[in-house]
Amino acid sequence: MQLARFFKFLKWGAISTAVAALLWFALGLVMYRIPSGPERQVEGEVHFKFLELNLSNRAIFEEVLENRRVRLARPENEKDVDAFYIPDAQIKRLWEVSPHELRDRKQTLRIKLKSRPLLFGGNGSAEIVGIKLVDKEPSISK
């Protein structure tokens, strides 16, 4: 009798966990994918951050979708945010040359991103439009 109740508890626990995960993902799709305005371009210098520890809902959601965070050292416009999420395949273009090697050469990367503002604030998934080397000390942190 006790074993039957235990398995019933496990079954409902597993169902509840699965439903909660699906609801979280659906809410993430609504919050982080519905655009609210026209596409815009943002340009700035890459801030190389080696260890990105962020456990926000947005960060976890984007990790599930294989998007990585890119930070800009100084956004051009004060309304711009300093972090954007881009696909993993594109972020590899930023790390073709080691940031430490860029520091030795006294160069950094200036990128142009294309993104749309989201209905609930922030920016949608971004795409790299252009990358160029500039003669300036790179911004690097751990």
C-alpha atoms as a PDB file:
ATOM      1  CA  MET A   1       0.000   0.000   0.000  1.00  0.00           C
ATOM      2  CA  GLN A   2       2.810   2.407   0.914  1.00  0.00           C
ATOM      3  CA  LEU A   3       4.673   1.585  -2.293  1.00  0.00           C
ATOM      4  CA  ALA A   4       1.613   2.369  -4.432  1.00  0.00           C
ATOM      5  CA  ARG A   5       1.238   5.792  -2.787  1.00  0.00           C
ATOM      6  CA  PHE A   6       4.934   6.471  -3.283  1.00  0.00           C
ATOM      7  CA  PHE A   7       4.730   5.724  -7.030  1.00  0.00           C
ATOM      8  CA  LYS A   8       1.591   7.851  -7.341  1.00  0.00           C
ATOM      9  CA  PHE A   9       3.474  10.711  -5.656  1.00  0.00           C
ATOM     10  CA  LEU A  10       6.428  10.246  -8.042  1.00  0.00           C
ATOM     11  CA  LYS A  11       4.112  10.190 -11.071  1.00  0.00           C
ATOM     12  CA  TRP A  12       2.365  13.440 -10.108  1.00  0.00           C
ATOM     13  CA  GLY A  13       5.652  15.032  -9.164  1.00  0.00           C
ATOM     14  CA  ALA A  14       7.105  14.220 -12.588  1.00  0.00           C
ATOM     15  CA  ILE A  15       3.990  15.504 -14.371  1.00  0.00           C
ATOM     16  CA  SER A  16       4.023  18.727 -12.333  1.00  0.00           C
ATOM     17  CA  THR A  17       7.701  19.298 -13.059  1.00  0.00           C
ATOM     18  CA  ALA A  18       7.200  18.751 -16.804  1.00  0.00           C
ATOM     19  CA  VAL A  19       4.222  21.117 -16.923  1.00  0.00           C
ATOM     20  CA  ALA A  20       6.142  23.784 -14.975  1.00  0.00           C
ATOM     21  CA  ALA A  21       9.087  23.507 -17.386  1.00  0.00           C
ATOM     22  CA  LEU A  22       6.804  23.829 -20.419  1.00  0.00           C
ATOM     23  CA  LEU A  23       5.054  26.851 -18.925  1.00  0.00           C
ATOM     24  CA  TRP A  24       8.421  28.490 -18.158  1.00  0.00           C
ATOM     25  CA  PHE A  25       9.592  27.929 -21.746  1.00  0.00           C
ATOM     26  CA  ALA A  26       6.300  29.257 -23.192  1.00  0.00           C
ATOM     27  CA  LEU A  27       6.537  32.346 -21.001  1.00  0.00           C
ATOM     28  CA  GLY A  28      10.146  32.813 -22.119  1.00  0.00           C
ATOM     29  CA  LEU A  29       9.061  32.671 -25.776  1.00  0.00           C
ATOM     30  CA  VAL A  30       6.463  35.360 -25.132  1.00  0.00           C
ATOM     31  CA  MET A  31       8.777  37.631 -23.139  1.00  0.00           C
ATOM     32  CA  TYR A  32      11.990  37.248 -25.145  1.00  0.00           C
ATOM     33  CA  ARG A  33      10.824  36.814 -28.733  1.00  0.00           C
ATOM     34  CA  ILE A  34       7.878  39.198 -29.383  1.00  0.00           C
ATOM     35  CA  PRO A  35       9.277  42.350 -31.033  1.00  0.00           C
ATOM     36  CA  SER A  36       7.778  45.783 -30.442  1.00  0.00           C
ATOM     37  CA  GLY A  37       9.471  47.991 -32.977  1.00  0.00           C
ATOM     38  CA  PRO A  38      11.557  48.218 -36.112  1.00  0.00           C
ATOM     39  CA  GLU A  39      14.914  46.564 -36.435  1.00  0.00           C
ATOM     40  CA  ARG A  40      17.844  48.757 -35.435  1.00  0.00           C
ATOM     41  CA  GLN A  41      21.605  48.581 -35.588  1.00  0.00           C
ATOM     42  CA  VAL A  42      23.912  49.103 -32.632  1.00  0.00           C
ATOM     43  CA  GLU A  43      27.652  49.552 -32.882  1.00  0.00           C
ATOM     44  CA  GLY A  44      30.213  49.239 -30.116  1.00  0.00           C
ATOM     45  CA  GLU A  45      33.459  47.699 -28.960  1.00  0.00           C
ATOM     46  CA  VAL A  46      33.377  44.150 -27.621  1.00  0.00           C
ATOM     47  CA  HIS A  47      33.945  43.685 -23.909  1.00  0.00           C
ATOM     48  CA  PHE A  48      35.625  40.284 -23.627  1.00  0.00           C
ATOM     49  CA  LYS A  49      34.373  38.502 -20.531  1.00  0.00           C
ATOM     50  CA  PHE A  50      35.878  35.066 -19.975  1.00  0.00           C
ATOM     51  CA  LEU A  51      33.573  33.823 -17.238  1.00  0.00           C
ATOM     52  CA  GLU A  52      29.919  34.764 -17.575  1.00  0.00           C
ATOM     53  CA  LEU A  53      27.988  33.805 -14.466  1.00  0.00           C
ATOM     54  CA  ASN A  54      24.412  34.943 -14.776  1.00  0.00           C
ATOM     55  CA  LEU A  55      21.468  32.877 -13.614  1.00  0.00           C
ATOM     56  CA  SER A  56      18.648  35.152 -14.720  1.00  0.00           C
ATOM     57  CA  ASN A  57      15.657  33.729 -16.545  1.00  0.00           C
ATOM     58  CA  ARG A  58      16.794  35.420 -19.744  1.00  0.00           C
ATOM     59  CA  ALA A  59      20.304  33.963 -19.528  1.00  0.00           C
ATOM     60  CA  ILE A  60      19.017  30.435 -18.904  1.00  0.00           C
ATOM     61  CA  PHE A  61      16.421  30.732 -21.685  1.00  0.00           C
ATOM     62  CA  GLU A  62      19.028  31.923 -24.187  1.00  0.00           C
ATOM     63  CA  GLU A  63      21.455  29.158 -23.162  1.00  0.00           C
ATOM     64  CA  VAL A  64      18.755  26.580 -23.890  1.00  0.00           C
ATOM     65  CA  LEU A  65      18.387  28.081 -27.380  1.00  0.00           C
ATOM     66  CA  GLU A  66      22.207  28.063 -27.823  1.00  0.00           C
ATOM     67  CA  ASN A  67      22.599  31.828 -27.820  1.00  0.00           C
ATOM     68  CA  ARG A  68      25.521  33.447 -26.037  1.00  0.00           C
ATOM     69  CA  ARG A  69      25.878  36.845 -24.396  1.00  0.00           C
ATOM     70  CA  VAL A  70      28.019  39.527 -25.998  1.00  0.00           C
ATOM     71  CA  ARG A  71      28.769  42.696 -24.075  1.00  0.00           C
ATOM     72  CA  LEU A  72      29.623  46.027 -25.577  1.00  0.00           C
ATOM     73  CA  ALA A  73      32.157  48.163 -23.713  1.00  0.00           C
ATOM     74  CA  ARG A  74      30.291  51.430 -24.278  1.00  0.00           C
ATOM     75  CA  PRO A  75      27.031  51.545 -26.175  1.00  0.00           C
ATOM     76  CA  GLU A  76      26.760  54.448 -28.604  1.00  0.00           C
ATOM     77  CA  ASN A  77      23.363  55.512 -27.292  1.00  0.00           C
ATOM     78  CA  GLU A  78      22.442  55.711 -23.614  1.00  0.00           C
ATOM     79  CA  LYS A  79      19.217  53.820 -24.389  1.00  0.00           C
ATOM     80  CA  ASP A  80      21.228  50.845 -25.627  1.00  0.00           C
ATOM     81  CA  VAL A  81      21.856  47.963 -23.297  1.00  0.00           C
ATOM     82  CA  ASP A  82      25.373  46.646 -22.892  1.00  0.00           C
ATOM     83  CA  ALA A  83      24.557  42.955 -23.487  1.00  0.00           C
ATOM     84  CA  PHE A  84      23.085  41.186 -26.488  1.00  0.00           C
ATOM     85  CA  TYR A  85      22.425  37.522 -27.200  1.00  0.00           C
ATOM     86  CA  ILE A  86      23.736  36.143 -30.471  1.00  0.00           C
ATOM     87  CA  PRO A  87      23.786  32.598 -31.891  1.00  0.00           C
ATOM     88  CA  ASP A  88      26.681  30.398 -30.822  1.00  0.00           C
ATOM     89  CA  ALA A  89      27.877  30.002 -34.421  1.00  0.00           C
ATOM     90  CA  GLN A  90      28.337  33.761 -34.764  1.00  0.00           C
ATOM     91  CA  ILE A  91      30.083  34.271 -31.431  1.00  0.00           C
ATOM     92  CA  LYS A  92      32.945  32.097 -32.660  1.00  0.00           C
ATOM     93  CA  ARG A  93      33.744  34.891 -35.137  1.00  0.00           C
ATOM     94  CA  LEU A  94      34.552  37.148 -32.181  1.00  0.00           C
ATOM     95  CA  TRP A  95      36.975  34.680 -30.635  1.00  0.00           C
ATOM     96  CA  GLU A  96      38.980  33.795 -33.757  1.00  0.00           C
ATOM     97  CA  VAL A  97      41.873  35.773 -32.250  1.00  0.00           C
ATOM     98  CA  SER A  98      42.503  35.542 -28.530  1.00  0.00           C
ATOM     99  CA  PRO A  99      41.657  38.720 -26.589  1.00  0.00           C
ATOM    100  CA  HIS A 100      45.095  38.499 -24.951  1.00  0.00           C
ATOM    101  CA  GLU A 101      46.721  38.486 -28.379  1.00  0.00           C
ATOM    102  CA  LEU A 102      44.577  41.514 -29.289  1.00  0.00           C
ATOM    103  CA  ARG A 103      45.807  43.237 -26.111  1.00  0.00           C
ATOM    104  CA  ASP A 104      49.421  42.570 -27.097  1.00  0.00           C
ATOM    105  CA  ARG A 105      48.730  44.159 -30.505  1.00  0.00           C
ATOM    106  CA  LYS A 106      46.735  46.993 -28.831  1.00  0.00           C
ATOM    107  CA  GLN A 107      43.679  46.257 -30.951  1.00  0.00           C
ATOM    108  CA  THR A 108      40.064  45.479 -30.207  1.00  0.00           C
ATOM    109  CA  LEU A 109      36.980  44.483 -32.149  1.00  0.00           C
ATOM    110  CA  ARG A 110      34.223  46.915 -33.053  1.00  0.00           C
ATOM    111  CA  ILE A 111      31.039  45.150 -34.059  1.00  0.00           C
ATOM    112  CA  LYS A 112      27.771  46.212 -35.597  1.00  0.00           C
ATOM    113  CA  LEU A 113      24.715  44.280 -34.399  1.00  0.00           C
ATOM    114  CA  LYS A 114      21.216  44.097 -35.803  1.00  0.00           C
ATOM    115  CA  SER A 115      18.435  43.626 -33.238  1.00  0.00           C
ATOM    116  CA  ARG A 116      14.810  44.475 -32.507  1.00  0.00           C
ATOM    117  CA  PRO A 117      13.428  45.864 -29.240  1.00  0.00           C
ATOM    118  CA  LEU A 118      11.171  43.488 -27.322  1.00  0.00           C
ATOM    119  CA  LEU A 119       7.617  44.126 -26.207  1.00  0.00           C
ATOM    120  CA  PHE A 120       8.495  43.604 -22.532  1.00  0.00           C
ATOM    121  CA  GLY A 121      11.810  45.507 -22.677  1.00  0.00           C
ATOM    122  CA  GLY A 122      15.317  44.629 -23.727  1.00  0.00           C
ATOM    123  CA  ASN A 123      16.552  43.493 -27.117  1.00  0.00           C
ATOM    124  CA  GLY A 124      15.706  40.400 -29.090  1.00  0.00           C
ATOM    125  CA  SER A 125      18.205  37.942 -30.412  1.00  0.00           C
ATOM    126  CA  ALA A 126      20.895  39.895 -32.260  1.00  0.00           C
ATOM    127  CA  GLU A 127      22.837  39.182 -35.405  1.00  0.00           C
ATOM    128  CA  ILE A 128      26.354  40.351 -36.244  1.00  0.00           C
ATOM    129  CA  VAL A 129      26.352  42.577 -39.319  1.00  0.00           C
ATOM    130  CA  GLY A 130      29.991  43.616 -39.344  1.00  0.00           C
ATOM    131  CA  ILE A 131      33.262  43.234 -37.451  1.00  0.00           C
ATOM    132  CA  LYS A 132      36.332  45.427 -37.753  1.00  0.00           C
ATOM    133  CA  LEU A 133      39.630  45.770 -35.920  1.00  0.00           C
ATOM    134  CA  VAL A 134      40.336  49.139 -34.310  1.00  0.00           C
ATOM    135  CA  ASP A 135      43.546  50.397 -32.726  1.00  0.00           C
ATOM    136  CA  LYS A 136      42.518  50.643 -29.094  1.00  0.00           C
ATOM    137  CA  GLU A 137      43.186  48.729 -25.883  1.00  0.00           C
ATOM    138  CA  PRO A 138      40.574  45.922 -25.591  1.00  0.00           C
ATOM    139  CA  SER A 139      38.243  45.661 -22.624  1.00  0.00           C
ATOM    140  CA  ILE A 140      38.894  42.286 -20.932  1.00  0.00           C
ATOM    141  CA  SER A 141      37.597  40.878 -17.653  1.00  0.00           C
ATOM    142  CA  LYS A 142      37.309  37.507 -15.961  1.00  0.00           C
END
